[in-house]
Amino acid sequence: MIRKLLLLLFITTIHVTLYGQKIGWHQTGEASYYGKKFHGKHTANGERFSMWKYTAAHKKLPFNTVVRVDSDISKQSVVVRINDRGPYAHGRIIDLSKMAASKIDMLAGGHHKVTITIVPPSTPLGPTSHKTTRTSSPNIPKAITPKKVNKNIFKVNCSVEHITKVYYGVQICGFENITNMLPFIEKAKKESQQIYVDTTLRDGKTFYRICLGKFNSRYEAEKLKNKVRRKYKGCFVINYSN
């Protein structure tokens, strides 16, 4: 019995040495997500997949490895547990559950460039603060305001502004780069009448929120969300002033 236990311990040690990764190990690439189609089916480790839990698929990381996923696009982060294998599309490094993807604003676009980092297994799963690299001294920060963008750069009749009053709308997508935003907003403009591009600050950078409607009450915005949520999966109500 003791020999069997020692042998099992030896095999486990070899497994961790060969396939395990240290805390802090990171990888950069594209993230995608999977949801309803696989909900309730068995994952590679034998669990039943739930699109409402903070889990993910990775090709090589050991099951139950906990990683933080930092989105380069939305500048948001989420912590997930590896319980499945994949994705196998070229360039993709991780497949998030639908719930995890929603926390980094990934549902509308379908995929983001991300960095995944192994964190301690005791780290709580779910949304967390985005990891940033500080290059400046921690002095009193300068006041920063969102950029003003000339609406003439758009091929569609749409302007960019930072709405400071308390209005509610439905965010259908978000971008940090205007060039990436243009094709999406042209398509959305053809399908909808009220398109607003609101600017907000994230980590000192201007982030562009593509929104529908501008209402005085949250109730009206919720009605619009229910109307368009099939077309824009993952859309949600926002307060423009935030």
C-alpha atoms as a PDB file:
ATOM      1  CA  MET A   1       0.000   0.000   0.000  1.00  0.00           C
ATOM      2  CA  ILE A   2       2.808   2.407   0.929  1.00  0.00           C
ATOM      3  CA  ARG A   3       4.640   1.549  -2.306  1.00  0.00           C
ATOM      4  CA  LYS A   4       1.498   2.371  -4.303  1.00  0.00           C
ATOM      5  CA  LEU A   5       1.139   5.712  -2.540  1.00  0.00           C
ATOM      6  CA  LEU A   6       4.788   6.564  -3.174  1.00  0.00           C
ATOM      7  CA  LEU A   7       4.419   5.568  -6.835  1.00  0.00           C
ATOM      8  CA  LEU A   8       1.290   7.733  -7.170  1.00  0.00           C
ATOM      9  CA  LEU A   9       3.109  10.678  -5.596  1.00  0.00           C
ATOM     10  CA  PHE A  10       6.045  10.160  -7.959  1.00  0.00           C
ATOM     11  CA  ILE A  11       3.773  10.071 -11.020  1.00  0.00           C
ATOM     12  CA  THR A  12       1.938  13.211  -9.834  1.00  0.00           C
ATOM     13  CA  THR A  13       5.232  15.035  -9.365  1.00  0.00           C
ATOM     14  CA  ILE A  14       6.350  14.102 -12.881  1.00  0.00           C
ATOM     15  CA  HIS A  15       2.999  15.255 -14.291  1.00  0.00           C
ATOM     16  CA  VAL A  16       3.252  18.666 -12.606  1.00  0.00           C
ATOM     17  CA  THR A  17       6.852  19.073 -13.747  1.00  0.00           C
ATOM     18  CA  LEU A  18       6.103  18.218 -17.363  1.00  0.00           C
ATOM     19  CA  TYR A  19       2.708  19.811 -17.884  1.00  0.00           C
ATOM     20  CA  GLY A  20       2.229  22.299 -15.067  1.00  0.00           C
ATOM     21  CA  GLN A  21       3.062  25.982 -15.338  1.00  0.00           C
ATOM     22  CA  LYS A  22       4.155  28.374 -12.625  1.00  0.00           C
ATOM     23  CA  ILE A  23       2.005  31.206 -11.311  1.00  0.00           C
ATOM     24  CA  GLY A  24       2.709  34.249 -13.455  1.00  0.00           C
ATOM     25  CA  TRP A  25       3.114  32.286 -16.688  1.00  0.00           C
ATOM     26  CA  HIS A  26       1.311  34.123 -19.466  1.00  0.00           C
ATOM     27  CA  GLN A  27       0.297  33.757 -23.100  1.00  0.00           C
ATOM     28  CA  THR A  28      -1.072  36.238 -25.636  1.00  0.00           C
ATOM     29  CA  GLY A  29      -3.456  35.502 -28.495  1.00  0.00           C
ATOM     30  CA  GLU A  30      -7.108  35.484 -29.564  1.00  0.00           C
ATOM     31  CA  ALA A  31      -9.941  34.455 -27.241  1.00  0.00           C
ATOM     32  CA  SER A  32     -13.324  33.157 -28.365  1.00  0.00           C
ATOM     33  CA  TYR A  33     -16.327  31.908 -26.433  1.00  0.00           C
ATOM     34  CA  TYR A  34     -18.894  29.120 -26.490  1.00  0.00           C
ATOM     35  CA  GLY A  35     -22.332  28.945 -24.951  1.00  0.00           C
ATOM     36  CA  LYS A  36     -25.827  27.623 -25.648  1.00  0.00           C
ATOM     37  CA  LYS A  37     -24.834  24.978 -28.215  1.00  0.00           C
ATOM     38  CA  PHE A  38     -22.610  23.209 -25.670  1.00  0.00           C
ATOM     39  CA  HIS A  39     -24.586  23.991 -22.508  1.00  0.00           C
ATOM     40  CA  GLY A  40     -25.107  20.820 -20.460  1.00  0.00           C
ATOM     41  CA  LYS A  41     -22.652  18.711 -22.468  1.00  0.00           C
ATOM     42  CA  HIS A  42     -19.631  17.039 -20.910  1.00  0.00           C
ATOM     43  CA  THR A  43     -16.327  18.920 -20.900  1.00  0.00           C
ATOM     44  CA  ALA A  44     -12.958  17.214 -21.350  1.00  0.00           C
ATOM     45  CA  ASN A  45     -12.530  16.774 -17.580  1.00  0.00           C
ATOM     46  CA  GLY A  46     -15.933  15.107 -17.179  1.00  0.00           C
ATOM     47  CA  GLU A  47     -17.898  18.078 -15.846  1.00  0.00           C
ATOM     48  CA  ARG A  48     -21.042  19.324 -17.501  1.00  0.00           C
ATOM     49  CA  PHE A  49     -20.437  22.619 -19.241  1.00  0.00           C
ATOM     50  CA  SER A  50     -22.441  25.587 -17.986  1.00  0.00           C
ATOM     51  CA  MET A  51     -22.343  28.770 -20.011  1.00  0.00           C
ATOM     52  CA  TRP A  52     -23.210  30.665 -16.804  1.00  0.00           C
ATOM     53  CA  LYS A  53     -20.047  29.656 -14.905  1.00  0.00           C
ATOM     54  CA  TYR A  54     -16.568  31.169 -15.056  1.00  0.00           C
ATOM     55  CA  THR A  55     -14.781  28.371 -16.909  1.00  0.00           C
ATOM     56  CA  ALA A  56     -12.713  28.047 -20.066  1.00  0.00           C
ATOM     57  CA  ALA A  57     -11.050  25.643 -22.481  1.00  0.00           C
ATOM     58  CA  HIS A  58      -7.297  25.576 -23.140  1.00  0.00           C
ATOM     59  CA  LYS A  59      -5.263  23.163 -25.270  1.00  0.00           C
ATOM     60  CA  LYS A  60      -2.565  22.286 -22.716  1.00  0.00           C
ATOM     61  CA  LEU A  61      -2.983  23.839 -19.272  1.00  0.00           C
ATOM     62  CA  PRO A  62      -3.878  21.298 -16.558  1.00  0.00           C
ATOM     63  CA  PHE A  63      -7.520  21.086 -15.545  1.00  0.00           C
ATOM     64  CA  ASN A  64      -8.485  23.366 -12.622  1.00  0.00           C
ATOM     65  CA  THR A  65      -5.695  25.830 -13.474  1.00  0.00           C
ATOM     66  CA  VAL A  66      -6.996  29.317 -12.639  1.00  0.00           C
ATOM     67  CA  VAL A  67      -6.117  32.096 -15.099  1.00  0.00           C
ATOM     68  CA  ARG A  68      -6.830  35.804 -15.396  1.00  0.00           C
ATOM     69  CA  VAL A  69      -7.911  36.891 -18.882  1.00  0.00           C
ATOM     70  CA  ASP A  70      -7.021  40.499 -19.765  1.00  0.00           C
ATOM     71  CA  SER A  71      -8.733  41.891 -22.868  1.00  0.00           C
ATOM     72  CA  ASP A  72      -6.623  44.263 -24.962  1.00  0.00           C
ATOM     73  CA  ILE A  73      -9.802  45.675 -26.533  1.00  0.00           C
ATOM     74  CA  SER A  74     -12.214  46.338 -23.667  1.00  0.00           C
ATOM     75  CA  LYS A  75      -9.475  46.719 -21.013  1.00  0.00           C
ATOM     76  CA  GLN A  76     -11.486  44.465 -18.727  1.00  0.00           C
ATOM     77  CA  SER A  77     -10.469  41.252 -16.992  1.00  0.00           C
ATOM     78  CA  VAL A  78     -12.048  38.055 -15.750  1.00  0.00           C
ATOM     79  CA  VAL A  79     -10.727  35.083 -13.769  1.00  0.00           C
ATOM     80  CA  VAL A  80     -11.704  31.592 -14.964  1.00  0.00           C
ATOM     81  CA  ARG A  81     -10.950  27.936 -14.247  1.00  0.00           C
ATOM     82  CA  ILE A  82      -9.762  25.568 -16.999  1.00  0.00           C
ATOM     83  CA  ASN A  83     -12.073  22.556 -17.315  1.00  0.00           C
ATOM     84  CA  ASP A  84     -12.073  21.783 -21.048  1.00  0.00           C
ATOM     85  CA  ARG A  85      -9.817  21.404 -24.099  1.00  0.00           C
ATOM     86  CA  GLY A  86      -9.711  23.767 -27.070  1.00  0.00           C
ATOM     87  CA  PRO A  87     -10.068  26.004 -28.984  1.00  0.00           C
ATOM     88  CA  TYR A  88      -8.620  24.529 -32.161  1.00  0.00           C
ATOM     89  CA  ALA A  89      -9.102  27.441 -34.549  1.00  0.00           C
ATOM     90  CA  HIS A  90      -5.831  28.961 -35.743  1.00  0.00           C
ATOM     91  CA  GLY A  91      -4.544  31.713 -33.471  1.00  0.00           C
ATOM     92  CA  ARG A  92      -7.068  31.091 -30.678  1.00  0.00           C
ATOM     93  CA  ILE A  93      -5.580  30.339 -27.263  1.00  0.00           C
ATOM     94  CA  ILE A  94      -8.628  30.137 -24.980  1.00  0.00           C
ATOM     95  CA  ASP A  95     -12.369  29.499 -25.252  1.00  0.00           C
ATOM     96  CA  LEU A  96     -14.361  31.286 -22.550  1.00  0.00           C
ATOM     97  CA  SER A  97     -17.801  30.448 -21.261  1.00  0.00           C
ATOM     98  CA  LYS A  98     -20.492  32.908 -22.349  1.00  0.00           C
ATOM     99  CA  MET A  99     -20.654  34.351 -18.816  1.00  0.00           C
ATOM    100  CA  ALA A 100     -16.893  34.984 -18.715  1.00  0.00           C
ATOM    101  CA  ALA A 101     -16.924  36.517 -22.199  1.00  0.00           C
ATOM    102  CA  SER A 102     -19.718  38.909 -21.215  1.00  0.00           C
ATOM    103  CA  LYS A 103     -17.579  40.335 -18.399  1.00  0.00           C
ATOM    104  CA  ILE A 104     -14.947  41.564 -20.854  1.00  0.00           C
ATOM    105  CA  ASP A 105     -17.502  42.879 -23.404  1.00  0.00           C
ATOM    106  CA  MET A 106     -16.628  40.169 -25.920  1.00  0.00           C
ATOM    107  CA  LEU A 107     -20.079  38.906 -26.916  1.00  0.00           C
ATOM    108  CA  ALA A 108     -20.799  41.409 -29.694  1.00  0.00           C
ATOM    109  CA  GLY A 109     -17.510  40.950 -31.522  1.00  0.00           C
ATOM    110  CA  GLY A 110     -17.128  37.231 -30.829  1.00  0.00           C
ATOM    111  CA  HIS A 111     -13.416  37.335 -30.062  1.00  0.00           C
ATOM    112  CA  HIS A 112     -10.769  39.586 -28.488  1.00  0.00           C
ATOM    113  CA  LYS A 113      -7.010  39.723 -28.334  1.00  0.00           C
ATOM    114  CA  VAL A 114      -6.165  38.786 -24.763  1.00  0.00           C
ATOM    115  CA  THR A 115      -3.361  37.885 -22.398  1.00  0.00           C
ATOM    116  CA  ILE A 116      -3.941  34.973 -20.049  1.00  0.00           C
ATOM    117  CA  THR A 117      -1.930  34.708 -16.841  1.00  0.00           C
ATOM    118  CA  ILE A 118      -1.868  31.869 -14.321  1.00  0.00           C
ATOM    119  CA  VAL A 119      -2.926  33.125 -10.894  1.00  0.00           C
ATOM    120  CA  PRO A 120      -3.097  31.359  -7.487  1.00  0.00           C
ATOM    121  CA  PRO A 121      -5.862  28.714  -7.355  1.00  0.00           C
ATOM    122  CA  SER A 122      -7.454  30.561  -4.421  1.00  0.00           C
ATOM    123  CA  THR A 123      -8.165  33.608  -6.632  1.00  0.00           C
ATOM    124  CA  PRO A 124     -11.947  34.280  -6.780  1.00  0.00           C
ATOM    125  CA  LEU A 125     -13.517  33.523 -10.160  1.00  0.00           C
ATOM    126  CA  GLY A 126     -15.305  36.296 -12.011  1.00  0.00           C
ATOM    127  CA  PRO A 127     -14.622  39.882 -13.146  1.00  0.00           C
ATOM    128  CA  THR A 128     -11.580  41.564 -11.658  1.00  0.00           C
ATOM    129  CA  SER A 129      -9.559  44.742 -12.130  1.00  0.00           C
ATOM    130  CA  HIS A 130      -7.625  44.918 -15.383  1.00  0.00           C
ATOM    131  CA  LYS A 131      -3.871  44.450 -15.021  1.00  0.00           C
ATOM    132  CA  THR A 132      -1.984  47.493 -16.246  1.00  0.00           C
ATOM    133  CA  THR A 133       1.723  48.189 -16.570  1.00  0.00           C
ATOM    134  CA  ARG A 134       2.687  51.366 -14.766  1.00  0.00           C
ATOM    135  CA  THR A 135       5.387  53.299 -16.580  1.00  0.00           C
ATOM    136  CA  SER A 136       5.006  56.659 -14.865  1.00  0.00           C
ATOM    137  CA  SER A 137       5.651  57.713 -11.297  1.00  0.00           C
ATOM    138  CA  PRO A 138       2.675  57.600  -8.916  1.00  0.00           C
ATOM    139  CA  ASN A 139       2.319  61.374  -8.714  1.00  0.00           C
ATOM    140  CA  ILE A 140      -0.983  63.202  -8.803  1.00  0.00           C
ATOM    141  CA  PRO A 141      -2.478  62.254 -12.177  1.00  0.00           C
ATOM    142  CA  LYS A 142      -3.216  64.909 -14.756  1.00  0.00           C
ATOM    143  CA  ALA A 143      -6.833  65.572 -15.623  1.00  0.00           C
ATOM    144  CA  ILE A 144      -7.717  63.700 -18.800  1.00  0.00           C
ATOM    145  CA  THR A 145     -10.807  64.158 -20.923  1.00  0.00           C
ATOM    146  CA  PRO A 146     -12.014  61.913 -23.740  1.00  0.00           C
ATOM    147  CA  LYS A 147     -10.815  62.808 -27.206  1.00  0.00           C
ATOM    148  CA  LYS A 148     -12.967  64.917 -29.477  1.00  0.00           C
ATOM    149  CA  VAL A 149     -13.302  63.213 -32.833  1.00  0.00           C
ATOM    150  CA  ASN A 150     -14.289  64.919 -36.055  1.00  0.00           C
ATOM    151  CA  LYS A 151     -17.478  63.252 -37.279  1.00  0.00           C
ATOM    152  CA  ASN A 152     -16.338  63.730 -40.891  1.00  0.00           C
ATOM    153  CA  ILE A 153     -14.099  60.673 -40.547  1.00  0.00           C
ATOM    154  CA  PHE A 154     -17.238  58.544 -40.515  1.00  0.00           C
ATOM    155  CA  LYS A 155     -18.828  57.403 -43.744  1.00  0.00           C
ATOM    156  CA  VAL A 156     -22.159  57.361 -41.935  1.00  0.00           C
ATOM    157  CA  ASN A 157     -24.133  60.133 -40.302  1.00  0.00           C
ATOM    158  CA  CYS A 158     -22.882  59.613 -36.770  1.00  0.00           C
ATOM    159  CA  SER A 159     -20.981  61.755 -34.294  1.00  0.00           C
ATOM    160  CA  VAL A 160     -18.821  60.974 -31.303  1.00  0.00           C
ATOM    161  CA  GLU A 161     -19.409  62.680 -27.987  1.00  0.00           C
ATOM    162  CA  HIS A 162     -19.090  62.180 -24.269  1.00  0.00           C
ATOM    163  CA  ILE A 163     -22.632  62.343 -22.890  1.00  0.00           C
ATOM    164  CA  THR A 164     -22.483  63.763 -19.375  1.00  0.00           C
ATOM    165  CA  LYS A 165     -26.182  64.043 -18.561  1.00  0.00           C
ATOM    166  CA  VAL A 166     -28.114  61.140 -17.072  1.00  0.00           C
ATOM    167  CA  TYR A 167     -29.381  59.314 -20.149  1.00  0.00           C
ATOM    168  CA  TYR A 168     -29.770  55.586 -20.674  1.00  0.00           C
ATOM    169  CA  GLY A 169     -28.969  53.548 -23.752  1.00  0.00           C
ATOM    170  CA  VAL A 170     -28.170  50.030 -24.919  1.00  0.00           C
ATOM    171  CA  GLN A 171     -24.511  49.251 -25.548  1.00  0.00           C
ATOM    172  CA  ILE A 172     -24.115  46.777 -28.405  1.00  0.00           C
ATOM    173  CA  CYS A 173     -20.346  46.899 -28.801  1.00  0.00           C
ATOM    174  CA  GLY A 174     -17.210  48.753 -27.689  1.00  0.00           C
ATOM    175  CA  PHE A 175     -13.875  49.583 -29.303  1.00  0.00           C
ATOM    176  CA  GLU A 176     -10.605  51.231 -28.392  1.00  0.00           C
ATOM    177  CA  ASN A 177      -9.532  51.723 -32.014  1.00  0.00           C
ATOM    178  CA  ILE A 178     -11.632  53.884 -34.331  1.00  0.00           C
ATOM    179  CA  THR A 179     -10.465  51.996 -37.421  1.00  0.00           C
ATOM    180  CA  ASN A 180     -11.846  48.723 -36.060  1.00  0.00           C
ATOM    181  CA  MET A 181     -15.086  50.450 -35.119  1.00  0.00           C
ATOM    182  CA  LEU A 182     -15.992  51.856 -38.554  1.00  0.00           C
ATOM    183  CA  PRO A 183     -17.135  48.651 -40.324  1.00  0.00           C
ATOM    184  CA  PHE A 184     -19.317  47.671 -37.368  1.00  0.00           C
ATOM    185  CA  ILE A 185     -20.945  51.076 -37.026  1.00  0.00           C
ATOM    186  CA  GLU A 186     -21.677  51.260 -40.768  1.00  0.00           C
ATOM    187  CA  LYS A 187     -23.527  47.942 -40.550  1.00  0.00           C
ATOM    188  CA  ALA A 188     -25.366  48.951 -37.364  1.00  0.00           C
ATOM    189  CA  LYS A 189     -26.398  52.283 -38.908  1.00  0.00           C
ATOM    190  CA  LYS A 190     -28.105  50.501 -41.811  1.00  0.00           C
ATOM    191  CA  GLU A 191     -30.099  48.337 -39.404  1.00  0.00           C
ATOM    192  CA  SER A 192     -30.973  50.935 -36.736  1.00  0.00           C
ATOM    193  CA  GLN A 193     -32.009  54.590 -36.690  1.00  0.00           C
ATOM    194  CA  GLN A 194     -30.581  55.906 -33.420  1.00  0.00           C
ATOM    195  CA  ILE A 195     -26.874  55.138 -33.172  1.00  0.00           C
ATOM    196  CA  TYR A 196     -24.740  56.922 -30.587  1.00  0.00           C
ATOM    197  CA  VAL A 197     -20.987  56.659 -30.155  1.00  0.00           C
ATOM    198  CA  ASP A 198     -20.265  57.631 -26.573  1.00  0.00           C
ATOM    199  CA  THR A 199     -16.723  58.062 -25.276  1.00  0.00           C
ATOM    200  CA  THR A 200     -15.549  57.015 -21.855  1.00  0.00           C
ATOM    201  CA  LEU A 201     -12.160  56.680 -20.170  1.00  0.00           C
ATOM    202  CA  ARG A 202     -10.526  53.392 -19.213  1.00  0.00           C
ATOM    203  CA  ASP A 203      -7.018  53.408 -17.774  1.00  0.00           C
ATOM    204  CA  GLY A 204      -6.472  56.892 -19.179  1.00  0.00           C
ATOM    205  CA  LYS A 205      -7.446  55.880 -22.733  1.00  0.00           C
ATOM    206  CA  THR A 206     -10.519  56.813 -24.738  1.00  0.00           C
ATOM    207  CA  PHE A 207     -12.921  53.900 -25.247  1.00  0.00           C
ATOM    208  CA  TYR A 208     -15.765  54.145 -27.784  1.00  0.00           C
ATOM    209  CA  ARG A 209     -19.144  52.650 -26.855  1.00  0.00           C
ATOM    210  CA  ILE A 210     -21.543  51.901 -29.719  1.00  0.00           C
ATOM    211  CA  CYS A 211     -25.038  52.423 -28.335  1.00  0.00           C
ATOM    212  CA  LEU A 212     -28.664  52.495 -29.375  1.00  0.00           C
ATOM    213  CA  GLY A 213     -31.097  55.088 -28.047  1.00  0.00           C
ATOM    214  CA  LYS A 214     -30.832  57.915 -25.537  1.00  0.00           C
ATOM    215  CA  PHE A 215     -33.609  57.792 -22.950  1.00  0.00           C
ATOM    216  CA  ASN A 216     -34.452  59.674 -19.769  1.00  0.00           C
ATOM    217  CA  SER A 217     -35.550  56.476 -18.020  1.00  0.00           C
ATOM    218  CA  ARG A 218     -33.850  53.115 -17.610  1.00  0.00           C
ATOM    219  CA  TYR A 219     -37.220  51.439 -18.228  1.00  0.00           C
ATOM    220  CA  GLU A 220     -37.298  52.675 -21.852  1.00  0.00           C
ATOM    221  CA  ALA A 221     -33.734  51.470 -22.390  1.00  0.00           C
ATOM    222  CA  GLU A 222     -34.628  48.031 -20.986  1.00  0.00           C
ATOM    223  CA  LYS A 223     -37.535  47.825 -23.453  1.00  0.00           C
ATOM    224  CA  LEU A 224     -35.176  48.545 -26.337  1.00  0.00           C
ATOM    225  CA  LYS A 225     -32.671  45.972 -25.057  1.00  0.00           C
ATOM    226  CA  ASN A 226     -35.352  43.285 -25.013  1.00  0.00           C
ATOM    227  CA  LYS A 227     -36.280  44.246 -28.558  1.00  0.00           C
ATOM    228  CA  VAL A 228     -32.758  44.003 -30.028  1.00  0.00           C
ATOM    229  CA  ARG A 229     -31.056  41.392 -27.831  1.00  0.00           C
ATOM    230  CA  ARG A 230     -31.445  38.648 -30.444  1.00  0.00           C
ATOM    231  CA  LYS A 231     -29.728  40.758 -33.070  1.00  0.00           C
ATOM    232  CA  TYR A 232     -27.030  42.061 -30.682  1.00  0.00           C
ATOM    233  CA  LYS A 233     -26.262  39.182 -28.331  1.00  0.00           C
ATOM    234  CA  GLY A 234     -24.755  40.327 -25.064  1.00  0.00           C
ATOM    235  CA  CYS A 235     -26.074  43.905 -25.306  1.00  0.00           C
ATOM    236  CA  PHE A 236     -26.805  45.663 -22.027  1.00  0.00           C
ATOM    237  CA  VAL A 237     -28.207  48.909 -20.608  1.00  0.00           C
ATOM    238  CA  ILE A 238     -25.751  51.653 -19.674  1.00  0.00           C
ATOM    239  CA  ASN A 239     -25.924  55.056 -18.037  1.00  0.00           C
ATOM    240  CA  TYR A 240     -24.134  57.393 -20.451  1.00  0.00           C
ATOM    241  CA  SER A 241     -22.859  59.617 -17.639  1.00  0.00           C
ATOM    242  CA  ASN A 242     -20.786  56.772 -16.115  1.00  0.00           C
END
